[in-house]
Amino acid sequence: MGEILIFVLVGLVVGLIARLLMPGPDPIGIIGTIVLGIVGALIGGWIFGAILPDTEGVDWIGAIVVAMLLLFLYRRFAGGRATRTTTDRF
Protein backbone atom coordinates (compact mmCIF):
# COMPACT_ATOMS: atom_id res chain seq x y z
CA MET A 1 0.00 0.00 0.00
CA GLY A 2 2.87 2.38 0.79
CA GLU A 3 4.49 1.85 -2.62
CA ILE A 4 1.29 2.82 -4.40
CA LEU A 5 1.09 6.03 -2.40
CA ILE A 6 4.71 6.82 -3.27
CA PHE A 7 4.01 6.21 -6.99
CA VAL A 8 1.03 8.57 -6.82
CA LEU A 9 3.01 11.28 -5.00
CA VAL A 10 5.99 11.02 -7.37
CA GLY A 11 3.59 11.06 -10.32
CA LEU A 12 1.89 14.16 -8.98
CA VAL A 13 5.19 15.99 -8.49
CA VAL A 14 6.62 14.98 -11.87
CA GLY A 15 3.34 15.77 -13.64
CA LEU A 16 3.03 19.17 -12.00
CA ILE A 17 6.61 20.10 -12.87
CA ALA A 18 6.08 18.99 -16.47
CA ARG A 19 2.89 21.06 -16.72
CA LEU A 20 4.60 24.10 -15.20
CA LEU A 21 7.50 23.89 -17.66
CA MET A 22 5.26 23.48 -20.72
CA PRO A 23 3.69 26.76 -21.84
CA GLY A 24 0.08 26.82 -22.98
CA PRO A 25 -3.28 25.57 -21.79
CA ASP A 26 -3.52 22.12 -20.25
CA PRO A 27 -6.55 20.06 -21.22
CA ILE A 28 -6.02 17.48 -18.45
CA GLY A 29 -7.09 17.49 -14.83
CA ILE A 30 -5.37 16.37 -11.65
CA ILE A 31 -5.89 12.64 -12.35
CA GLY A 32 -4.40 13.08 -15.81
CA THR A 33 -1.48 14.94 -14.26
CA ILE A 34 -0.82 12.08 -11.84
CA VAL A 35 -1.04 9.47 -14.62
CA LEU A 36 1.21 11.60 -16.83
CA GLY A 37 3.77 11.85 -14.05
CA ILE A 38 3.69 8.15 -13.18
CA VAL A 39 4.11 7.07 -16.80
CA GLY A 40 6.82 9.70 -17.33
CA ALA A 41 8.65 8.57 -14.20
CA LEU A 42 8.49 4.89 -15.16
CA ILE A 43 9.60 5.38 -18.76
CA GLY A 44 12.10 8.16 -18.06
CA GLY A 45 13.61 6.34 -15.10
CA TRP A 46 13.95 3.16 -17.13
CA ILE A 47 15.53 4.90 -20.14
CA PHE A 48 18.00 6.94 -18.09
CA GLY A 49 18.79 3.89 -15.94
CA ALA A 50 19.60 1.89 -19.07
CA ILE A 51 21.82 4.64 -20.51
CA LEU A 52 23.64 5.84 -17.39
CA PRO A 53 25.11 3.51 -14.75
CA ASP A 54 24.75 6.05 -11.91
CA THR A 55 21.34 7.71 -12.04
CA GLU A 56 21.33 9.55 -8.74
CA GLY A 57 19.20 12.63 -9.47
CA VAL A 58 19.33 12.14 -13.24
CA ASP A 59 16.29 9.86 -13.24
CA TRP A 60 14.15 12.80 -12.02
CA ILE A 61 15.28 14.84 -15.01
CA GLY A 62 14.47 11.93 -17.30
CA ALA A 63 11.06 11.51 -15.71
CA ILE A 64 10.23 15.19 -16.20
CA VAL A 65 11.51 15.25 -19.79
CA VAL A 66 9.48 12.16 -20.71
CA ALA A 67 6.39 13.57 -18.95
CA MET A 68 6.80 16.81 -20.94
CA LEU A 69 7.06 14.80 -24.15
CA LEU A 70 3.93 12.83 -23.25
CA LEU A 71 2.09 16.07 -22.44
CA PHE A 72 3.16 17.52 -25.78
CA LEU A 73 1.88 14.43 -27.60
CA TYR A 74 -1.37 14.49 -25.64
CA ARG A 75 -1.93 18.14 -26.54
CA ARG A 76 -1.21 17.44 -30.22
CA PHE A 77 -3.57 14.49 -30.56
CA ALA A 78 -6.30 14.88 -27.92
CA GLY A 79 -6.04 18.43 -26.62
CA GLY A 80 -7.38 20.09 -29.75
CA ARG A 81 -10.60 18.09 -29.63
CA ALA A 82 -11.29 19.09 -26.04
CA THR A 83 -11.03 22.84 -26.66
CA ARG A 84 -12.77 23.07 -30.05
CA THR A 85 -16.28 24.43 -30.32
CA THR A 86 -18.86 23.88 -33.03
CA THR A 87 -18.05 27.24 -34.63
CA ASP A 88 -14.41 26.22 -35.22
CA ARG A 89 -15.31 23.92 -38.10
CA PHE A 90 -14.99 26.51 -40.85
C-alpha atoms as a PDB file:
ATOM      1  CA  MET A   1       0.000   0.000   0.000  1.00  0.00           C
ATOM      2  CA  GLY A   2       2.875   2.377   0.791  1.00  0.00           C
ATOM      3  CA  GLU A   3       4.490   1.845  -2.616  1.00  0.00           C
ATOM      4  CA  ILE A   4       1.292   2.821  -4.399  1.00  0.00           C
ATOM      5  CA  LEU A   5       1.089   6.034  -2.405  1.00  0.00           C
ATOM      6  CA  ILE A   6       4.713   6.817  -3.269  1.00  0.00           C
ATOM      7  CA  PHE A   7       4.005   6.209  -6.993  1.00  0.00           C
ATOM      8  CA  VAL A   8       1.026   8.574  -6.821  1.00  0.00           C
ATOM      9  CA  LEU A   9       3.006  11.281  -5.000  1.00  0.00           C
ATOM     10  CA  VAL A  10       5.988  11.019  -7.368  1.00  0.00           C
ATOM     11  CA  GLY A  11       3.590  11.057 -10.321  1.00  0.00           C
ATOM     12  CA  LEU A  12       1.894  14.159  -8.981  1.00  0.00           C
ATOM     13  CA  VAL A  13       5.192  15.992  -8.487  1.00  0.00           C
ATOM     14  CA  VAL A  14       6.615  14.981 -11.874  1.00  0.00           C
ATOM     15  CA  GLY A  15       3.336  15.767 -13.641  1.00  0.00           C
ATOM     16  CA  LEU A  16       3.032  19.171 -12.002  1.00  0.00           C
ATOM     17  CA  ILE A  17       6.612  20.099 -12.865  1.00  0.00           C
ATOM     18  CA  ALA A  18       6.079  18.994 -16.472  1.00  0.00           C
ATOM     19  CA  ARG A  19       2.887  21.056 -16.715  1.00  0.00           C
ATOM     20  CA  LEU A  20       4.598  24.097 -15.197  1.00  0.00           C
ATOM     21  CA  LEU A  21       7.500  23.886 -17.660  1.00  0.00           C
ATOM     22  CA  MET A  22       5.257  23.476 -20.720  1.00  0.00           C
ATOM     23  CA  PRO A  23       3.687  26.757 -21.839  1.00  0.00           C
ATOM     24  CA  GLY A  24       0.080  26.825 -22.982  1.00  0.00           C
ATOM     25  CA  PRO A  25      -3.283  25.574 -21.787  1.00  0.00           C
ATOM     26  CA  ASP A  26      -3.516  22.119 -20.247  1.00  0.00           C
ATOM     27  CA  PRO A  27      -6.554  20.062 -21.220  1.00  0.00           C
ATOM     28  CA  ILE A  28      -6.019  17.479 -18.454  1.00  0.00           C
ATOM     29  CA  GLY A  29      -7.090  17.486 -14.828  1.00  0.00           C
ATOM     30  CA  ILE A  30      -5.373  16.367 -11.653  1.00  0.00           C
ATOM     31  CA  ILE A  31      -5.892  12.640 -12.347  1.00  0.00           C
ATOM     32  CA  GLY A  32      -4.400  13.084 -15.809  1.00  0.00           C
ATOM     33  CA  THR A  33      -1.476  14.941 -14.255  1.00  0.00           C
ATOM     34  CA  ILE A  34      -0.823  12.076 -11.844  1.00  0.00           C
ATOM     35  CA  VAL A  35      -1.040   9.466 -14.620  1.00  0.00           C
ATOM     36  CA  LEU A  36       1.208  11.601 -16.835  1.00  0.00           C
ATOM     37  CA  GLY A  37       3.774  11.852 -14.049  1.00  0.00           C
ATOM     38  CA  ILE A  38       3.686   8.150 -13.179  1.00  0.00           C
ATOM     39  CA  VAL A  39       4.114   7.075 -16.800  1.00  0.00           C
ATOM     40  CA  GLY A  40       6.823   9.696 -17.335  1.00  0.00           C
ATOM     41  CA  ALA A  41       8.653   8.566 -14.199  1.00  0.00           C
ATOM     42  CA  LEU A  42       8.488   4.894 -15.156  1.00  0.00           C
ATOM     43  CA  ILE A  43       9.604   5.378 -18.761  1.00  0.00           C
ATOM     44  CA  GLY A  44      12.105   8.156 -18.055  1.00  0.00           C
ATOM     45  CA  GLY A  45      13.615   6.338 -15.101  1.00  0.00           C
ATOM     46  CA  TRP A  46      13.946   3.157 -17.126  1.00  0.00           C
ATOM     47  CA  ILE A  47      15.528   4.902 -20.137  1.00  0.00           C
ATOM     48  CA  PHE A  48      17.998   6.939 -18.094  1.00  0.00           C
ATOM     49  CA  GLY A  49      18.789   3.893 -15.935  1.00  0.00           C
ATOM     50  CA  ALA A  50      19.600   1.893 -19.067  1.00  0.00           C
ATOM     51  CA  ILE A  51      21.821   4.638 -20.507  1.00  0.00           C
ATOM     52  CA  LEU A  52      23.642   5.844 -17.394  1.00  0.00           C
ATOM     53  CA  PRO A  53      25.112   3.513 -14.747  1.00  0.00           C
ATOM     54  CA  ASP A  54      24.753   6.049 -11.905  1.00  0.00           C
ATOM     55  CA  THR A  55      21.336   7.707 -12.044  1.00  0.00           C
ATOM     56  CA  GLU A  56      21.325   9.555  -8.741  1.00  0.00           C
ATOM     57  CA  GLY A  57      19.199  12.632  -9.474  1.00  0.00           C
ATOM     58  CA  VAL A  58      19.326  12.136 -13.236  1.00  0.00           C
ATOM     59  CA  ASP A  59      16.286   9.860 -13.237  1.00  0.00           C
ATOM     60  CA  TRP A  60      14.154  12.803 -12.015  1.00  0.00           C
ATOM     61  CA  ILE A  61      15.285  14.839 -15.009  1.00  0.00           C
ATOM     62  CA  GLY A  62      14.474  11.930 -17.303  1.00  0.00           C
ATOM     63  CA  ALA A  63      11.061  11.515 -15.714  1.00  0.00           C
ATOM     64  CA  ILE A  64      10.230  15.194 -16.199  1.00  0.00           C
ATOM     65  CA  VAL A  65      11.514  15.250 -19.792  1.00  0.00           C
ATOM     66  CA  VAL A  66       9.478  12.164 -20.708  1.00  0.00           C
ATOM     67  CA  ALA A  67       6.393  13.567 -18.948  1.00  0.00           C
ATOM     68  CA  MET A  68       6.799  16.809 -20.938  1.00  0.00           C
ATOM     69  CA  LEU A  69       7.061  14.798 -24.155  1.00  0.00           C
ATOM     70  CA  LEU A  70       3.929  12.834 -23.251  1.00  0.00           C
ATOM     71  CA  LEU A  71       2.092  16.073 -22.436  1.00  0.00           C
ATOM     72  CA  PHE A  72       3.158  17.523 -25.779  1.00  0.00           C
ATOM     73  CA  LEU A  73       1.883  14.425 -27.602  1.00  0.00           C
ATOM     74  CA  TYR A  74      -1.375  14.494 -25.644  1.00  0.00           C
ATOM     75  CA  ARG A  75      -1.932  18.144 -26.544  1.00  0.00           C
ATOM     76  CA  ARG A  76      -1.214  17.444 -30.217  1.00  0.00           C
ATOM     77  CA  PHE A  77      -3.571  14.494 -30.558  1.00  0.00           C
ATOM     78  CA  ALA A  78      -6.295  14.881 -27.923  1.00  0.00           C
ATOM     79  CA  GLY A  79      -6.045  18.429 -26.617  1.00  0.00           C
ATOM     80  CA  GLY A  80      -7.380  20.092 -29.750  1.00  0.00           C
ATOM     81  CA  ARG A  81     -10.605  18.089 -29.633  1.00  0.00           C
ATOM     82  CA  ALA A  82     -11.291  19.094 -26.043  1.00  0.00           C
ATOM     83  CA  THR A  83     -11.025  22.842 -26.663  1.00  0.00           C
ATOM     84  CA  ARG A  84     -12.767  23.067 -30.045  1.00  0.00           C
ATOM     85  CA  THR A  85     -16.280  24.434 -30.317  1.00  0.00           C
ATOM     86  CA  THR A  86     -18.855  23.882 -33.030  1.00  0.00           C
ATOM     87  CA  THR A  87     -18.054  27.241 -34.627  1.00  0.00           C
ATOM     88  CA  ASP A  88     -14.414  26.218 -35.220  1.00  0.00           C
ATOM     89  CA  ARG A  89     -15.307  23.917 -38.101  1.00  0.00           C
ATOM     90  CA  PHE A  90     -14.990  26.511 -40.851  1.00  0.00           C
END
